[in-house]
Amino acid sequence: MIGKTHTGKTTFAQDIVKRLNTFEILEADAVSLFLKANFPLLREIDKSKHGVWETPTLKLLLFQDIVKYAFVNNLNVILANSNLSTKVRSENLF
């Protein structure tokens, strides 16, 4: 699912999950909040790399692993994010 920030992607995804309950919503924002709550120093380093494309951020690496794990376990996945760039979206997957 693709769209600009605050356009209802998460709300729509949650509605799908309520109706079908065989889907998992995956959002990179949850990974960022996890890093902030549990690893604040690592998150600050990660934030400083935002926009630097030479090395992937920790947030991206963790999110990719979560997506891979979901796919390996045959989970139906809704990717809800605001990455409008096809390149960035494909990097999120693998």
C-alpha atoms as a PDB file:
ATOM      1  CA  MET A   1       0.000   0.000   0.000  1.00  0.00           C
ATOM      2  CA  ILE A   2       1.488   3.305  -1.057  1.00  0.00           C
ATOM      3  CA  GLY A   3       0.495   6.836  -0.177  1.00  0.00           C
ATOM      4  CA  LYS A   4       1.550  10.064   1.378  1.00  0.00           C
ATOM      5  CA  THR A   5       1.770  10.457   5.130  1.00  0.00           C
ATOM      6  CA  HIS A   6      -1.580  10.721   6.963  1.00  0.00           C
ATOM      7  CA  THR A   7      -3.711   9.525   4.025  1.00  0.00           C
ATOM      8  CA  GLY A   8      -5.295   6.553   5.795  1.00  0.00           C
ATOM      9  CA  LYS A   9      -3.020   3.671   4.759  1.00  0.00           C
ATOM     10  CA  THR A  10      -2.792   2.227   8.252  1.00  0.00           C
ATOM     11  CA  THR A  11      -6.502   2.684   8.936  1.00  0.00           C
ATOM     12  CA  PHE A  12      -7.372   0.938   5.676  1.00  0.00           C
ATOM     13  CA  ALA A  13      -4.883  -1.871   6.399  1.00  0.00           C
ATOM     14  CA  GLN A  14      -6.312  -2.322   9.906  1.00  0.00           C
ATOM     15  CA  ASP A  15      -9.795  -2.599   8.416  1.00  0.00           C
ATOM     16  CA  ILE A  16      -8.581  -5.383   6.097  1.00  0.00           C
ATOM     17  CA  VAL A  17      -6.969  -7.209   9.025  1.00  0.00           C
ATOM     18  CA  LYS A  18     -10.184  -6.955  11.078  1.00  0.00           C
ATOM     19  CA  ARG A  19     -12.222  -8.402   8.236  1.00  0.00           C
ATOM     20  CA  LEU A  20      -9.829 -11.122   7.076  1.00  0.00           C
ATOM     21  CA  ASN A  21      -7.460 -11.645  10.056  1.00  0.00           C
ATOM     22  CA  THR A  22      -5.028 -13.585   7.884  1.00  0.00           C
ATOM     23  CA  PHE A  23      -2.874 -10.535   7.188  1.00  0.00           C
ATOM     24  CA  GLU A  24      -0.033  -8.860   9.056  1.00  0.00           C
ATOM     25  CA  ILE A  25       0.564  -5.137   8.656  1.00  0.00           C
ATOM     26  CA  LEU A  26       4.254  -4.370   8.323  1.00  0.00           C
ATOM     27  CA  GLU A  27       5.385  -0.782   8.743  1.00  0.00           C
ATOM     28  CA  ALA A  28       8.904   0.543   9.059  1.00  0.00           C
ATOM     29  CA  ASP A  29       7.648   3.120  11.582  1.00  0.00           C
ATOM     30  CA  ALA A  30       7.122   0.345  14.133  1.00  0.00           C
ATOM     31  CA  VAL A  31      10.770  -0.653  13.732  1.00  0.00           C
ATOM     32  CA  SER A  32      11.821   2.952  14.271  1.00  0.00           C
ATOM     33  CA  LEU A  33       9.725   3.172  17.445  1.00  0.00           C
ATOM     34  CA  PHE A  34      11.237  -0.106  18.676  1.00  0.00           C
ATOM     35  CA  LEU A  35      14.740   1.273  18.129  1.00  0.00           C
ATOM     36  CA  LYS A  36      13.845   4.538  19.865  1.00  0.00           C
ATOM     37  CA  ALA A  37      12.402   2.747  22.902  1.00  0.00           C
ATOM     38  CA  ASN A  38      15.058   0.063  23.267  1.00  0.00           C
ATOM     39  CA  PHE A  39      18.214   1.263  21.546  1.00  0.00           C
ATOM     40  CA  PRO A  40      18.205   5.072  21.581  1.00  0.00           C
ATOM     41  CA  LEU A  41      21.911   5.468  20.781  1.00  0.00           C
ATOM     42  CA  LEU A  42      21.689   3.123  17.814  1.00  0.00           C
ATOM     43  CA  ARG A  43      18.616   4.993  16.604  1.00  0.00           C
ATOM     44  CA  GLU A  44      20.461   8.311  16.733  1.00  0.00           C
ATOM     45  CA  ILE A  45      23.275   6.831  14.635  1.00  0.00           C
ATOM     46  CA  ASP A  46      20.649   5.413  12.287  1.00  0.00           C
ATOM     47  CA  LYS A  47      18.884   8.774  11.949  1.00  0.00           C
ATOM     48  CA  SER A  48      22.175  10.442  11.056  1.00  0.00           C
ATOM     49  CA  LYS A  49      22.456   8.076   8.067  1.00  0.00           C
ATOM     50  CA  HIS A  50      18.995   8.926   6.735  1.00  0.00           C
ATOM     51  CA  GLY A  51      19.368   9.852   3.091  1.00  0.00           C
ATOM     52  CA  VAL A  52      22.864   8.346   2.813  1.00  0.00           C
ATOM     53  CA  TRP A  53      22.493   5.540   0.306  1.00  0.00           C
ATOM     54  CA  GLU A  54      25.960   3.946   0.535  1.00  0.00           C
ATOM     55  CA  THR A  55      25.024   1.811   3.520  1.00  0.00           C
ATOM     56  CA  PRO A  56      21.569   0.634   4.575  1.00  0.00           C
ATOM     57  CA  THR A  57      20.200   1.911   7.857  1.00  0.00           C
ATOM     58  CA  LEU A  58      19.645  -0.393  10.809  1.00  0.00           C
ATOM     59  CA  LYS A  59      15.917   0.328  10.517  1.00  0.00           C
ATOM     60  CA  LEU A  60      15.929  -0.876   6.911  1.00  0.00           C
ATOM     61  CA  LEU A  61      17.961  -4.000   7.724  1.00  0.00           C
ATOM     62  CA  LEU A  62      15.611  -4.965  10.566  1.00  0.00           C
ATOM     63  CA  PHE A  63      12.534  -4.247   8.465  1.00  0.00           C
ATOM     64  CA  GLN A  64      13.873  -6.375   5.613  1.00  0.00           C
ATOM     65  CA  ASP A  65      14.443  -9.270   8.007  1.00  0.00           C
ATOM     66  CA  ILE A  66      10.894  -8.945   9.345  1.00  0.00           C
ATOM     67  CA  VAL A  67       9.472  -8.956   5.807  1.00  0.00           C
ATOM     68  CA  LYS A  68      11.584 -11.980   4.834  1.00  0.00           C
ATOM     69  CA  TYR A  69      10.510 -13.846   7.972  1.00  0.00           C
ATOM     70  CA  ALA A  70       6.855 -13.140   7.210  1.00  0.00           C
ATOM     71  CA  PHE A  71       7.219 -14.372   3.616  1.00  0.00           C
ATOM     72  CA  VAL A  72       9.173 -17.488   4.599  1.00  0.00           C
ATOM     73  CA  ASN A  73       6.329 -18.341   6.975  1.00  0.00           C
ATOM     74  CA  ASN A  74       3.712 -17.818   4.243  1.00  0.00           C
ATOM     75  CA  LEU A  75       2.119 -14.860   5.948  1.00  0.00           C
ATOM     76  CA  ASN A  76      -0.149 -12.536   3.997  1.00  0.00           C
ATOM     77  CA  VAL A  77       1.507  -9.154   4.276  1.00  0.00           C
ATOM     78  CA  ILE A  78       0.331  -5.588   3.874  1.00  0.00           C
ATOM     79  CA  LEU A  79       3.251  -3.194   3.512  1.00  0.00           C
ATOM     80  CA  ALA A  80       1.932   0.172   4.597  1.00  0.00           C
ATOM     81  CA  ASN A  81       4.444   2.932   4.086  1.00  0.00           C
ATOM     82  CA  SER A  82       4.883   6.317   2.509  1.00  0.00           C
ATOM     83  CA  ASN A  83       7.857   5.461   0.304  1.00  0.00           C
ATOM     84  CA  LEU A  84       6.634   6.717  -3.039  1.00  0.00           C
ATOM     85  CA  SER A  85       9.864   5.762  -4.819  1.00  0.00           C
ATOM     86  CA  THR A  86       9.771   2.366  -6.542  1.00  0.00           C
ATOM     87  CA  LYS A  87      13.491   1.944  -5.798  1.00  0.00           C
ATOM     88  CA  VAL A  88      13.022   2.475  -2.056  1.00  0.00           C
ATOM     89  CA  ARG A  89       9.962   0.209  -1.932  1.00  0.00           C
ATOM     90  CA  SER A  90      11.824  -2.604  -3.661  1.00  0.00           C
ATOM     91  CA  GLU A  91      14.768  -2.178  -1.279  1.00  0.00           C
ATOM     92  CA  ASN A  92      12.341  -2.583   1.633  1.00  0.00           C
ATOM     93  CA  LEU A  93      11.358  -5.983   0.347  1.00  0.00           C
ATOM     94  CA  PHE A  94      14.797  -7.500  -0.133  1.00  0.00           C
END
